C-alpha atoms as a PDB file:
ATOM      1  CA  MET A   1     117.360 130.474  85.432  1.00  0.00           C
ATOM      2  CA  THR A   2     118.929 128.712  88.410  1.00  0.00           C
ATOM      3  CA  ALA A   3     117.887 125.096  88.858  1.00  0.00           C
ATOM      4  CA  VAL A   4     115.197 124.613  91.445  1.00  0.00           C
ATOM      5  CA  PRO A   5     117.140 122.401  93.911  1.00  0.00           C
ATOM      6  CA  VAL A   6     119.925 125.027  94.235  1.00  0.00           C
ATOM      7  CA  ARG A   7     117.434 127.501  95.686  1.00  0.00           C
ATOM      8  CA  LEU A   8     116.613 125.272  98.611  1.00  0.00           C
ATOM      9  CA  SER A   9     118.595 124.558 101.760  1.00  0.00           C
ATOM     10  CA  PHE A  10     120.122 121.109 102.216  1.00  0.00           C
ATOM     11  CA  THR A  11     117.220 119.892 104.366  1.00  0.00           C
ATOM     12  CA  ASP A  12     114.597 121.366 102.024  1.00  0.00           C
ATOM     13  CA  ARG A  13     116.360 120.046  98.920  1.00  0.00           C
ATOM     14  CA  TYR A  14     115.938 116.467 100.152  1.00  0.00           C
ATOM     15  CA  LEU A  15     112.567 117.028 101.812  1.00  0.00           C
ATOM     16  CA  ALA A  16     110.922 114.325  99.713  1.00  0.00           C
ATOM     17  CA  VAL A  17     113.515 111.831 100.994  1.00  0.00           C
ATOM     18  CA  TRP A  18     112.930 112.760 104.642  1.00  0.00           C
ATOM     19  CA  ILE A  19     109.162 112.555 104.243  1.00  0.00           C
ATOM     20  CA  LEU A  20     109.263 109.171 102.500  1.00  0.00           C
ATOM     21  CA  ALA A  21     111.575 107.930 105.241  1.00  0.00           C
ATOM     22  CA  ALA A  22     109.180 109.218 107.919  1.00  0.00           C
ATOM     23  CA  MET A  23     106.234 107.515 106.197  1.00  0.00           C
ATOM     24  CA  ALA A  24     108.161 104.244 105.978  1.00  0.00           C
ATOM     25  CA  ALA A  25     109.265 104.539 109.617  1.00  0.00           C
ATOM     26  CA  GLY A  26     105.696 105.149 110.759  1.00  0.00           C
ATOM     27  CA  LEU A  27     104.334 102.219 108.779  1.00  0.00           C
ATOM     28  CA  GLY A  28     107.156 100.010 110.009  1.00  0.00           C
ATOM     29  CA  LEU A  29     106.598 100.953 113.650  1.00  0.00           C
ATOM     30  CA  GLY A  30     102.875 100.365 113.287  1.00  0.00           C
ATOM     31  CA  ARG A  31     103.532  96.878 111.948  1.00  0.00           C
ATOM     32  CA  MET A  32     106.445  95.829 114.174  1.00  0.00           C
ATOM     33  CA  VAL A  33     105.346  97.184 117.550  1.00  0.00           C
ATOM     34  CA  PRO A  34     102.167  95.371 118.633  1.00  0.00           C
ATOM     35  CA  GLY A  35      99.534  97.675 120.048  1.00  0.00           C
ATOM     36  CA  LEU A  36     101.454 100.877 119.253  1.00  0.00           C
ATOM     37  CA  GLY A  37      98.560 102.298 117.250  1.00  0.00           C
ATOM     38  CA  ASP A  38      96.137 101.648 120.106  1.00  0.00           C
ATOM     39  CA  VAL A  39      98.474 103.312 122.606  1.00  0.00           C
ATOM     40  CA  LEU A  40      98.917 106.402 120.425  1.00  0.00           C
ATOM     41  CA  ALA A  41      95.179 106.577 119.715  1.00  0.00           C
ATOM     42  CA  ALA A  42      94.428 106.478 123.448  1.00  0.00           C
ATOM     43  CA  VAL A  43      96.505 109.604 124.106  1.00  0.00           C
ATOM     44  CA  GLU A  44      93.790 112.107 123.241  1.00  0.00           C
ATOM     45  CA  ILE A  45      91.538 114.739 124.777  1.00  0.00           C
ATOM     46  CA  GLY A  46      88.105 115.475 123.367  1.00  0.00           C
ATOM     47  CA  GLY A  47      88.802 113.466 120.223  1.00  0.00           C
ATOM     48  CA  ILE A  48      92.032 115.392 119.498  1.00  0.00           C
ATOM     49  CA  SER A  49      95.170 113.251 119.279  1.00  0.00           C
ATOM     50  CA  LEU A  50      97.786 114.781 121.570  1.00  0.00           C
ATOM     51  CA  PRO A  51     100.816 113.321 119.691  1.00  0.00           C
ATOM     52  CA  ILE A  52      99.534 114.684 116.375  1.00  0.00           C
ATOM     53  CA  ALA A  53      98.611 118.015 117.978  1.00  0.00           C
ATOM     54  CA  PHE A  54     102.116 118.291 119.461  1.00  0.00           C
ATOM     55  CA  GLY A  55     103.769 117.595 116.113  1.00  0.00           C
ATOM     56  CA  LEU A  56     101.598 120.096 114.268  1.00  0.00           C
ATOM     57  CA  LEU A  57     102.167 122.821 116.847  1.00  0.00           C
ATOM     58  CA  VAL A  58     105.937 122.339 116.616  1.00  0.00           C
ATOM     59  CA  MET A  59     105.634 122.338 112.812  1.00  0.00           C
ATOM     60  CA  MET A  60     103.560 125.501 112.482  1.00  0.00           C
ATOM     61  CA  TYR A  61     105.101 127.698 115.183  1.00  0.00           C
ATOM     62  CA  PRO A  62     108.388 128.618 113.398  1.00  0.00           C
ATOM     63  CA  VAL A  63     106.597 129.500 110.157  1.00  0.00           C
ATOM     64  CA  LEU A  64     103.969 131.629 111.917  1.00  0.00           C
ATOM     65  CA  ALA A  65     106.736 133.376 113.865  1.00  0.00           C
ATOM     66  CA  LYS A  66     108.140 134.458 110.466  1.00  0.00           C
ATOM     67  CA  VAL A  67     104.903 136.166 109.390  1.00  0.00           C
ATOM     68  CA  ARG A  68     105.064 139.962 109.324  1.00  0.00           C
ATOM     69  CA  TYR A  69     101.722 140.689 110.939  1.00  0.00           C
ATOM     70  CA  ASP A  70     101.972 144.401 110.182  1.00  0.00           C
ATOM     71  CA  ARG A  71     101.509 143.548 106.476  1.00  0.00           C
ATOM     72  CA  LEU A  72      98.236 141.658 106.801  1.00  0.00           C
ATOM     73  CA  ASP A  73      96.142 144.646 105.714  1.00  0.00           C
ATOM     74  CA  ALA A  74      97.771 144.428 102.270  1.00  0.00           C
ATOM     75  CA  VAL A  75      96.410 140.885 101.995  1.00  0.00           C
ATOM     76  CA  THR A  76      92.887 141.555 103.247  1.00  0.00           C
ATOM     77  CA  GLY A  77      92.599 144.370 100.707  1.00  0.00           C
ATOM     78  CA  ASP A  78      93.285 141.993  97.801  1.00  0.00           C
ATOM     79  CA  ARG A  79      89.733 141.090  96.769  1.00  0.00           C
ATOM     80  CA  ARG A  80      90.855 138.852  93.906  1.00  0.00           C
ATOM     81  CA  LEU A  81      92.789 136.668  96.325  1.00  0.00           C
ATOM     82  CA  MET A  82      90.183 136.591  99.085  1.00  0.00           C
ATOM     83  CA  VAL A  83      87.137 135.922  96.894  1.00  0.00           C
ATOM     84  CA  SER A  84      88.855 133.337  94.696  1.00  0.00           C
ATOM     85  CA  SER A  85      90.098 131.458  97.782  1.00  0.00           C
ATOM     86  CA  LEU A  86      86.618 131.263  99.282  1.00  0.00           C
ATOM     87  CA  VAL A  87      85.038 130.174  95.990  1.00  0.00           C
ATOM     88  CA  VAL A  88      87.620 127.469  95.272  1.00  0.00           C
ATOM     89  CA  ASN A  89      87.722 126.155  98.845  1.00  0.00           C
ATOM     90  CA  TRP A  90      84.019 126.090  99.670  1.00  0.00           C
ATOM     91  CA  LEU A  91      82.260 125.736  96.306  1.00  0.00           C
ATOM     92  CA  VAL A  92      84.672 124.089  93.875  1.00  0.00           C
ATOM     93  CA  GLY A  93      86.733 121.821  96.174  1.00  0.00           C
ATOM     94  CA  PRO A  94      83.886 119.898  97.852  1.00  0.00           C
ATOM     95  CA  ALA A  95      82.017 119.589  94.540  1.00  0.00           C
ATOM     96  CA  VAL A  96      85.081 118.148  92.790  1.00  0.00           C
ATOM     97  CA  MET A  97      85.653 115.594  95.552  1.00  0.00           C
ATOM     98  CA  PHE A  98      81.958 114.614  95.548  1.00  0.00           C
ATOM     99  CA  ALA A  99      82.064 114.005  91.782  1.00  0.00           C
ATOM    100  CA  LEU A 100      85.334 112.041  91.914  1.00  0.00           C
ATOM    101  CA  ALA A 101      84.188 109.922  94.872  1.00  0.00           C
ATOM    102  CA  TRP A 102      81.062 108.830  93.020  1.00  0.00           C
ATOM    103  CA  LEU A 103      82.934 108.390  89.719  1.00  0.00           C
ATOM    104  CA  PHE A 104      85.716 106.181  91.103  1.00  0.00           C
ATOM    105  CA  LEU A 105      83.945 104.462  94.013  1.00  0.00           C
ATOM    106  CA  PRO A 106      80.297 103.910  93.025  1.00  0.00           C
ATOM    107  CA  ASP A 107      80.324 100.451  94.669  1.00  0.00           C
ATOM    108  CA  GLN A 108      82.150 101.469  97.871  1.00  0.00           C
ATOM    109  CA  PRO A 109      79.842 103.700  99.958  1.00  0.00           C
ATOM    110  CA  GLU A 110      82.113 103.757 103.028  1.00  0.00           C
ATOM    111  CA  TYR A 111      85.227 104.833 101.136  1.00  0.00           C
ATOM    112  CA  ARG A 112      83.159 107.267  99.091  1.00  0.00           C
ATOM    113  CA  THR A 113      81.794 108.912 102.221  1.00  0.00           C
ATOM    114  CA  GLY A 114      85.287 109.103 103.723  1.00  0.00           C
ATOM    115  CA  LEU A 115      86.627 110.867 100.629  1.00  0.00           C
ATOM    116  CA  ILE A 116      83.783 113.382 100.654  1.00  0.00           C
ATOM    117  CA  ILE A 117      84.567 114.164 104.300  1.00  0.00           C
ATOM    118  CA  VAL A 118      88.215 114.756 103.316  1.00  0.00           C
ATOM    119  CA  GLY A 119      87.024 117.154 100.619  1.00  0.00           C
ATOM    120  CA  LEU A 120      84.952 119.128 103.130  1.00  0.00           C
ATOM    121  CA  ALA A 121      87.857 119.571 105.576  1.00  0.00           C
ATOM    122  CA  ARG A 122      89.835 122.481 104.159  1.00  0.00           C
ATOM    123  CA  CYS A 123      93.491 122.762 105.103  1.00  0.00           C
ATOM    124  CA  ILE A 124      94.568 124.808 108.130  1.00  0.00           C
ATOM    125  CA  ALA A 125      97.868 123.220 109.146  1.00  0.00           C
ATOM    126  CA  MET A 126     100.315 121.611 106.722  1.00  0.00           C
ATOM    127  CA  VAL A 127      99.539 124.159 104.007  1.00  0.00           C
ATOM    128  CA  ILE A 128     101.660 126.596 106.022  1.00  0.00           C
ATOM    129  CA  ILE A 129     104.694 124.381 105.399  1.00  0.00           C
ATOM    130  CA  TRP A 130     104.029 123.714 101.704  1.00  0.00           C
ATOM    131  CA  ASN A 131     103.452 127.424 101.094  1.00  0.00           C
ATOM    132  CA  ASP A 132     106.679 128.393 102.837  1.00  0.00           C
ATOM    133  CA  LEU A 133     108.742 125.827 100.928  1.00  0.00           C
ATOM    134  CA  ALA A 134     107.280 127.090  97.653  1.00  0.00           C
ATOM    135  CA  CYS A 135     108.193 130.698  98.571  1.00  0.00           C
ATOM    136  CA  GLY A 136     104.549 131.660  98.789  1.00  0.00           C
ATOM    137  CA  ASP A 137     103.259 134.753 100.553  1.00  0.00           C
ATOM    138  CA  ARG A 138     103.437 134.010 104.300  1.00  0.00           C
ATOM    139  CA  GLU A 139     101.104 136.842 105.219  1.00  0.00           C
ATOM    140  CA  ALA A 140      98.556 135.762 102.603  1.00  0.00           C
ATOM    141  CA  ALA A 141      98.758 132.169 103.851  1.00  0.00           C
ATOM    142  CA  ALA A 142      98.088 133.286 107.440  1.00  0.00           C
ATOM    143  CA  VAL A 143      95.052 135.321 106.365  1.00  0.00           C
ATOM    144  CA  LEU A 144      93.580 132.660 104.057  1.00  0.00           C
ATOM    145  CA  VAL A 145      94.081 129.891 106.587  1.00  0.00           C
ATOM    146  CA  ALA A 146      92.371 131.985 109.281  1.00  0.00           C
ATOM    147  CA  LEU A 147      89.535 132.879 106.903  1.00  0.00           C
ATOM    148  CA  ASN A 148      88.993 129.256 105.867  1.00  0.00           C
ATOM    149  CA  SER A 149      89.076 128.205 109.521  1.00  0.00           C
ATOM    150  CA  VAL A 150      86.128 130.485 110.286  1.00  0.00           C
ATOM    151  CA  PHE A 151      84.227 129.075 107.329  1.00  0.00           C
ATOM    152  CA  GLN A 152      85.136 125.561 108.436  1.00  0.00           C
ATOM    153  CA  VAL A 153      83.374 126.066 111.750  1.00  0.00           C
ATOM    154  CA  LEU A 154      80.323 127.555 110.055  1.00  0.00           C
ATOM    155  CA  ALA A 155      80.050 125.445 106.904  1.00  0.00           C
ATOM    156  CA  PHE A 156      81.444 121.960 107.583  1.00  0.00           C
ATOM    157  CA  GLY A 157      78.266 120.503 109.085  1.00  0.00           C
ATOM    158  CA  LEU A 158      76.006 122.184 106.520  1.00  0.00           C
ATOM    159  CA  LEU A 159      78.070 120.990 103.570  1.00  0.00           C
ATOM    160  CA  GLY A 160      78.252 117.525 105.115  1.00  0.00           C
ATOM    161  CA  TRP A 161      74.449 117.397 105.142  1.00  0.00           C
ATOM    162  CA  PHE A 162      74.279 118.725 101.568  1.00  0.00           C
ATOM    163  CA  TYR A 163      76.822 116.354  99.973  1.00  0.00           C
ATOM    164  CA  LEU A 164      76.204 113.241 102.065  1.00  0.00           C
ATOM    165  CA  ASP A 165      72.471 113.388 102.685  1.00  0.00           C
ATOM    166  CA  LEU A 166      70.539 115.792 100.446  1.00  0.00           C
ATOM    167  CA  LEU A 167      72.365 115.680  97.092  1.00  0.00           C
ATOM    168  CA  PRO A 168      72.647 111.875  96.659  1.00  0.00           C
ATOM    169  CA  GLY A 169      68.891 111.547  97.187  1.00  0.00           C
ATOM    170  CA  ARG A 170      68.072 114.409  94.809  1.00  0.00           C
ATOM    171  CA  LEU A 171      70.315 112.935  92.110  1.00  0.00           C
ATOM    172  CA  GLY A 172      68.814 109.455  92.531  1.00  0.00           C
ATOM    173  CA  LEU A 173      72.085 107.980  93.785  1.00  0.00           C
ATOM    174  CA  GLY A 174      70.527 106.242  96.775  1.00  0.00           C
ATOM    175  CA  GLU A 175      70.035 106.997 100.428  1.00  0.00           C
ATOM    176  CA  GLY A 176      72.257 109.601 101.971  1.00  0.00           C
ATOM    177  CA  GLU A 177      74.490 109.452 105.043  1.00  0.00           C
ATOM    178  CA  SER A 178      74.033 111.414 108.237  1.00  0.00           C
ATOM    179  CA  LEU A 179      77.106 113.279 109.505  1.00  0.00           C
ATOM    180  CA  ASP A 180      76.824 113.808 113.239  1.00  0.00           C
ATOM    181  CA  ILE A 181      79.434 116.439 114.072  1.00  0.00           C
ATOM    182  CA  SER A 182      79.137 119.272 116.565  1.00  0.00           C
ATOM    183  CA  PRO A 183      80.254 122.783 115.526  1.00  0.00           C
ATOM    184  CA  TRP A 184      81.997 122.975 118.899  1.00  0.00           C
ATOM    185  CA  LYS A 185      84.153 119.967 118.006  1.00  0.00           C
ATOM    186  CA  ILE A 186      85.168 121.645 114.751  1.00  0.00           C
ATOM    187  CA  ALA A 187      85.867 124.882 116.620  1.00  0.00           C
ATOM    188  CA  ALA A 188      88.068 122.996 119.089  1.00  0.00           C
ATOM    189  CA  ASN A 189      89.972 121.451 116.192  1.00  0.00           C
ATOM    190  CA  VAL A 190      90.541 124.894 114.654  1.00  0.00           C
ATOM    191  CA  LEU A 191      91.571 126.381 118.016  1.00  0.00           C
ATOM    192  CA  VAL A 192      94.170 123.686 118.695  1.00  0.00           C
ATOM    193  CA  PHE A 193      95.651 123.305 115.213  1.00  0.00           C
ATOM    194  CA  LEU A 194      95.591 126.985 114.205  1.00  0.00           C
ATOM    195  CA  GLY A 195      94.744 129.229 117.148  1.00  0.00           C
ATOM    196  CA  ILE A 196      97.527 128.150 119.508  1.00  0.00           C
ATOM    197  CA  PRO A 197     100.456 128.333 117.030  1.00  0.00           C
ATOM    198  CA  LEU A 198      99.047 131.542 115.504  1.00  0.00           C
ATOM    199  CA  VAL A 199      98.940 133.312 118.874  1.00  0.00           C
ATOM    200  CA  ALA A 200     102.385 131.934 119.765  1.00  0.00           C
ATOM    201  CA  GLY A 201     103.835 133.093 116.448  1.00  0.00           C
ATOM    202  CA  PHE A 202     102.270 136.554 116.763  1.00  0.00           C
ATOM    203  CA  LEU A 203     103.524 137.062 120.335  1.00  0.00           C
ATOM    204  CA  THR A 204     106.987 135.795 119.408  1.00  0.00           C
ATOM    205  CA  ARG A 205     107.185 138.270 116.520  1.00  0.00           C
ATOM    206  CA  ARG A 206     105.875 141.160 118.592  1.00  0.00           C
ATOM    207  CA  LEU A 207     108.046 140.547 121.667  1.00  0.00           C
ATOM    208  CA  GLY A 208     111.087 139.441 119.659  1.00  0.00           C
ATOM    209  CA  GLU A 209     111.152 142.571 117.526  1.00  0.00           C
ATOM    210  CA  LYS A 210     110.627 144.735 120.604  1.00  0.00           C
ATOM    211  CA  ARG A 211     113.571 143.155 122.389  1.00  0.00           C
ATOM    212  CA  LEU A 212     115.984 142.435 119.524  1.00  0.00           C
ATOM    213  CA  GLY A 213     114.863 144.738 116.747  1.00  0.00           C
ATOM    214  CA  ARG A 214     113.513 143.483 113.413  1.00  0.00           C
ATOM    215  CA  GLU A 215     116.871 142.857 111.758  1.00  0.00           C
ATOM    216  CA  ALA A 216     118.309 140.824 114.639  1.00  0.00           C
ATOM    217  CA  TYR A 217     115.016 138.963 115.082  1.00  0.00           C
ATOM    218  CA  GLU A 218     114.987 137.892 111.425  1.00  0.00           C
ATOM    219  CA  THR A 219     118.698 137.208 110.980  1.00  0.00           C
ATOM    220  CA  ARG A 220     119.566 135.643 114.352  1.00  0.00           C
ATOM    221  CA  PHE A 221     116.438 134.286 116.037  1.00  0.00           C
ATOM    222  CA  LEU A 222     114.368 132.936 113.139  1.00  0.00           C
ATOM    223  CA  PRO A 223     117.187 130.781 111.683  1.00  0.00           C
ATOM    224  CA  ARG A 224     117.494 129.066 115.074  1.00  0.00           C
ATOM    225  CA  ILE A 225     113.860 127.992 115.269  1.00  0.00           C
ATOM    226  CA  GLY A 226     113.361 127.423 111.529  1.00  0.00           C
ATOM    227  CA  PRO A 227     114.487 123.752 111.407  1.00  0.00           C
ATOM    228  CA  TRP A 228     111.879 122.808 114.017  1.00  0.00           C
ATOM    229  CA  ALA A 229     109.174 123.155 111.376  1.00  0.00           C
ATOM    230  CA  LEU A 230     110.674 120.186 109.525  1.00  0.00           C
ATOM    231  CA  TYR A 231     111.166 118.229 112.747  1.00  0.00           C
ATOM    232  CA  GLY A 232     107.515 118.763 113.668  1.00  0.00           C
ATOM    233  CA  LEU A 233     106.380 117.730 110.187  1.00  0.00           C
ATOM    234  CA  LEU A 234     108.407 114.505 110.233  1.00  0.00           C
ATOM    235  CA  PHE A 235     107.267 113.653 113.772  1.00  0.00           C
ATOM    236  CA  THR A 236     103.625 114.171 112.758  1.00  0.00           C
ATOM    237  CA  ILE A 237     104.017 111.923 109.726  1.00  0.00           C
ATOM    238  CA  VAL A 238     105.650 109.139 111.768  1.00  0.00           C
ATOM    239  CA  VAL A 239     102.865 109.258 114.380  1.00  0.00           C
ATOM    240  CA  LEU A 240     100.096 109.427 111.790  1.00  0.00           C
ATOM    241  CA  PHE A 241     101.327 106.424 109.839  1.00  0.00           C
ATOM    242  CA  ALA A 242     102.168 104.451 112.974  1.00  0.00           C
ATOM    243  CA  LEU A 243      98.542 104.891 114.059  1.00  0.00           C
ATOM    244  CA  GLN A 244      97.267 103.172 110.917  1.00  0.00           C
ATOM    245  CA  GLY A 245     100.229 101.039 109.832  1.00  0.00           C
ATOM    246  CA  ASP A 246      98.363  97.733 110.153  1.00  0.00           C
ATOM    247  CA  THR A 247      95.290  98.967 108.302  1.00  0.00           C
ATOM    248  CA  ILE A 248      97.205 100.495 105.405  1.00  0.00           C
ATOM    249  CA  THR A 249      99.531  97.537 104.829  1.00  0.00           C
ATOM    250  CA  ALA A 250      96.799  94.931 105.281  1.00  0.00           C
ATOM    251  CA  ARG A 251      94.500  96.394 102.587  1.00  0.00           C
ATOM    252  CA  PRO A 252      96.763  97.556  99.739  1.00  0.00           C
ATOM    253  CA  LEU A 253      94.169  97.157  96.978  1.00  0.00           C
ATOM    254  CA  ASP A 254      91.615  99.219  98.895  1.00  0.00           C
ATOM    255  CA  VAL A 255      94.268 101.866  99.542  1.00  0.00           C
ATOM    256  CA  ALA A 256      95.024 101.967  95.801  1.00  0.00           C
ATOM    257  CA  ARG A 257      91.337 102.453  94.939  1.00  0.00           C
ATOM    258  CA  ILE A 258      91.040 105.317  97.413  1.00  0.00           C
ATOM    259  CA  ALA A 259      94.327 106.836  96.245  1.00  0.00           C
ATOM    260  CA  LEU A 260      93.316 107.213  92.588  1.00  0.00           C
ATOM    261  CA  PRO A 261      90.530 109.803  93.044  1.00  0.00           C
ATOM    262  CA  LEU A 262      92.722 111.612  95.578  1.00  0.00           C
ATOM    263  CA  LEU A 263      95.511 111.951  93.024  1.00  0.00           C
ATOM    264  CA  VAL A 264      93.076 113.380  90.474  1.00  0.00           C
ATOM    265  CA  TYR A 265      91.614 115.703  93.108  1.00  0.00           C
ATOM    266  CA  PHE A 266      94.965 117.208  94.138  1.00  0.00           C
ATOM    267  CA  ALA A 267      96.016 117.652  90.508  1.00  0.00           C
ATOM    268  CA  VAL A 268      92.747 119.310  89.448  1.00  0.00           C
ATOM    269  CA  LEU A 269      92.601 121.646  92.453  1.00  0.00           C
ATOM    270  CA  TRP A 270      96.251 122.671  92.451  1.00  0.00           C
ATOM    271  CA  PHE A 271      96.827 123.154  88.717  1.00  0.00           C
ATOM    272  CA  GLY A 272      93.402 124.703  88.207  1.00  0.00           C
ATOM    273  CA  THR A 273      93.846 127.188  91.050  1.00  0.00           C
ATOM    274  CA  PHE A 274      97.429 127.993  90.052  1.00  0.00           C
ATOM    275  CA  ALA A 275      96.199 128.791  86.535  1.00  0.00           C
ATOM    276  CA  LEU A 276      93.372 130.874  88.029  1.00  0.00           C
ATOM    277  CA  GLY A 277      95.806 132.945  90.105  1.00  0.00           C
ATOM    278  CA  LYS A 278      97.983 133.629  87.072  1.00  0.00           C
ATOM    279  CA  ALA A 279      94.947 134.521  84.966  1.00  0.00           C
ATOM    280  CA  LEU A 280      93.802 136.969  87.644  1.00  0.00           C
ATOM    281  CA  GLY A 281      97.174 138.692  87.485  1.00  0.00           C
ATOM    282  CA  LEU A 282      98.297 137.690  90.976  1.00  0.00           C
ATOM    283  CA  PRO A 283     102.072 137.649  91.578  1.00  0.00           C
ATOM    284  CA  TYR A 284     103.826 134.315  91.962  1.00  0.00           C
ATOM    285  CA  ASP A 285     103.884 134.259  95.758  1.00  0.00           C
ATOM    286  CA  ARG A 286     100.123 134.812  96.102  1.00  0.00           C
ATOM    287  CA  THR A 287      99.330 132.448  93.244  1.00  0.00           C
ATOM    288  CA  ALA A 288     101.313 129.707  95.002  1.00  0.00           C
ATOM    289  CA  THR A 289      99.533 130.464  98.280  1.00  0.00           C
ATOM    290  CA  LEU A 290      96.141 130.327  96.573  1.00  0.00           C
ATOM    291  CA  ALA A 291      96.974 126.964  94.951  1.00  0.00           C
ATOM    292  CA  PHE A 292      98.296 125.269  98.085  1.00  0.00           C
ATOM    293  CA  THR A 293      95.469 126.496 100.322  1.00  0.00           C
ATOM    294  CA  ALA A 294      93.011 125.129  97.757  1.00  0.00           C
ATOM    295  CA  ALA A 295      94.642 121.727  97.254  1.00  0.00           C
ATOM    296  CA  GLY A 296      95.488 120.945 100.890  1.00  0.00           C
ATOM    297  CA  ASN A 297      93.038 119.335 103.288  1.00  0.00           C
ATOM    298  CA  ASN A 298      92.619 119.223 107.057  1.00  0.00           C
ATOM    299  CA  PHE A 299      93.259 115.497 107.467  1.00  0.00           C
ATOM    300  CA  GLU A 300      93.239 115.827 111.260  1.00  0.00           C
ATOM    301  CA  LEU A 301      89.607 116.949 111.210  1.00  0.00           C
ATOM    302  CA  ALA A 302      88.593 114.472 108.486  1.00  0.00           C
ATOM    303  CA  ILE A 303      90.032 111.508 110.408  1.00  0.00           C
ATOM    304  CA  ALA A 304      88.532 112.690 113.707  1.00  0.00           C
ATOM    305  CA  VAL A 305      85.071 113.096 112.147  1.00  0.00           C
ATOM    306  CA  ALA A 306      85.232 109.735 110.340  1.00  0.00           C
ATOM    307  CA  ILE A 307      86.337 107.885 113.481  1.00  0.00           C
ATOM    308  CA  GLY A 308      83.909 109.718 115.758  1.00  0.00           C
ATOM    309  CA  THR A 309      80.926 109.131 113.444  1.00  0.00           C
ATOM    310  CA  PHE A 310      81.624 105.729 111.886  1.00  0.00           C
ATOM    311  CA  GLY A 311      84.239 104.064 114.117  1.00  0.00           C
ATOM    312  CA  VAL A 312      87.991 103.546 114.055  1.00  0.00           C
ATOM    313  CA  THR A 313      87.809 100.382 111.904  1.00  0.00           C
ATOM    314  CA  SER A 314      85.341 101.813 109.383  1.00  0.00           C
ATOM    315  CA  GLY A 315      85.992 102.299 105.691  1.00  0.00           C
ATOM    316  CA  GLN A 316      85.354 106.012 106.190  1.00  0.00           C
ATOM    317  CA  ALA A 317      88.246 106.157 108.666  1.00  0.00           C
ATOM    318  CA  LEU A 318      90.524 104.281 106.255  1.00  0.00           C
ATOM    319  CA  ALA A 319      89.728 106.797 103.500  1.00  0.00           C
ATOM    320  CA  GLY A 320      90.592 109.609 105.899  1.00  0.00           C
ATOM    321  CA  VAL A 321      93.946 108.000 106.718  1.00  0.00           C
ATOM    322  CA  VAL A 322      94.796 107.442 103.041  1.00  0.00           C
ATOM    323  CA  GLY A 323      94.257 111.195 102.522  1.00  0.00           C
ATOM    324  CA  PRO A 324      97.617 112.296 103.979  1.00  0.00           C
ATOM    325  CA  LEU A 325      99.284 109.145 102.621  1.00  0.00           C
ATOM    326  CA  ILE A 326      98.691 110.635  99.156  1.00  0.00           C
ATOM    327  CA  GLU A 327      98.586 114.345 100.019  1.00  0.00           C
ATOM    328  CA  VAL A 328     102.007 114.579 101.657  1.00  0.00           C
ATOM    329  CA  PRO A 329     104.201 113.275  98.801  1.00  0.00           C
ATOM    330  CA  VAL A 330     101.994 114.853  96.109  1.00  0.00           C
ATOM    331  CA  LEU A 331     102.115 118.345  97.599  1.00  0.00           C
ATOM    332  CA  VAL A 332     105.855 118.029  98.212  1.00  0.00           C
ATOM    333  CA  GLY A 333     106.178 117.305  94.495  1.00  0.00           C
ATOM    334  CA  LEU A 334     103.987 120.305  93.708  1.00  0.00           C
ATOM    335  CA  VAL A 335     106.363 122.521  95.712  1.00  0.00           C
ATOM    336  CA  TYR A 336     108.993 121.742  93.077  1.00  0.00           C
ATOM    337  CA  VAL A 337     106.480 122.294  90.271  1.00  0.00           C
ATOM    338  CA  ALA A 338     105.582 125.699  91.715  1.00  0.00           C
ATOM    339  CA  LEU A 339     109.223 126.762  92.033  1.00  0.00           C
ATOM    340  CA  ALA A 340     109.907 125.658  88.461  1.00  0.00           C
ATOM    341  CA  ARG A 341     107.091 127.943  87.281  1.00  0.00           C
ATOM    342  CA  ARG A 342     108.247 130.872  89.367  1.00  0.00           C
ATOM    343  CA  GLY A 343     110.296 132.370  86.530  1.00  0.00           C
ATOM    344  CA  ARG A 344     107.198 132.687  84.333  1.00  0.00           C
ATOM    345  CA  PHE A 345     105.827 135.452  86.541  1.00  0.00           C
ATOM    346  CA  THR A 346     106.879 139.049  86.096  1.00  0.00           C
ATOM    347  CA  ARG A 347     107.296 140.624  89.497  1.00  0.00           C
ATOM    348  CA  PRO A 348     106.001 144.200  89.605  1.00  0.00           C
ATOM    349  CA  GLU A 349     108.712 146.798  90.283  1.00  0.00           C
ATOM    350  CA  GLY A 350     109.098 147.376  94.006  1.00  0.00           C
ATOM    351  CA  SER A 351     107.099 144.275  94.861  1.00  0.00           C
ATOM    352  CA  LEU A 352     108.135 142.023  97.722  1.00  0.00           C
ATOM    353  CA  ALA A 353     106.724 138.971  95.965  1.00  0.00           C
ATOM    354  CA  GLY A 354     108.979 136.002  96.411  1.00  0.00           C
ATOM    355  CA  VAL A 355     111.544 137.785  98.599  1.00  0.00           C
ATOM    356  CA  ARG A 356     112.565 135.542 101.505  1.00  0.00           C
END
């Protein structure tokens, strides 16, 4: 079997290096440029950071323009994939984060609450990139992300009440927290971070194929816009870490305490869901998609909710910021793990699984 790095392009092969460099650059800018974080934080509309929104839109558009939207019915008809994604994302994921937050941070209620909020915010943005790098099913990723986005609008506030207010009291863990978040704010978050690039990608595919034909669209146009996904990702990481550079570098021990349950969470969710997909008989590409959509989190929403409810300097906000600090390098590493396991799947004859 060919070594994993050979399968990737030059930029993808050294993705971990670029991401670590972007994280370091963001932290450095946040520390060296006085007031930069405040300036970036002020550029927002309705609680949505415009610099982060710009980076995510640039990041997601090329990948969503690659999706073959005429194949989506093959995904929606896969009940094993759809049901398992909903169960893992909305029953298992939040419960695992709740348990880990209380296990690792029993004496830190602010950080604990912040972690639980991260666990409730299911991924709708960066998972598109991780899935594509791991040669997951693009069409399945588009469907699952859209499905989880609908559930996010409907279930985020309810689950916040359950895990932060009701359950701690019922289990005798102390008084609960109140999570004041409007469904309209969540809907706006979903619309900006998923709706806009999804519509843009769909229209680009439809109009591009009509004008160029499918072969020319995929062989000439897509390679031109493809690198912008990485540029958008790196820009987003620089902005995100510049926003909180002072906070992260000033409280390293607190960051380490928050990071530990996050590491366990990503490992449990990803490896557990990957094993579930294989046990269900899903092909590699859909198993990878299922695992990454389960392990990823919507850090944009988690940070916005924590800041809006508890304040920008709160421990809850710090926990939200540490989320992507750990998630980004961990899920990049899991891309390589997924590709290394790709050869263990037997692709059904005639299947398009894994074909790029």
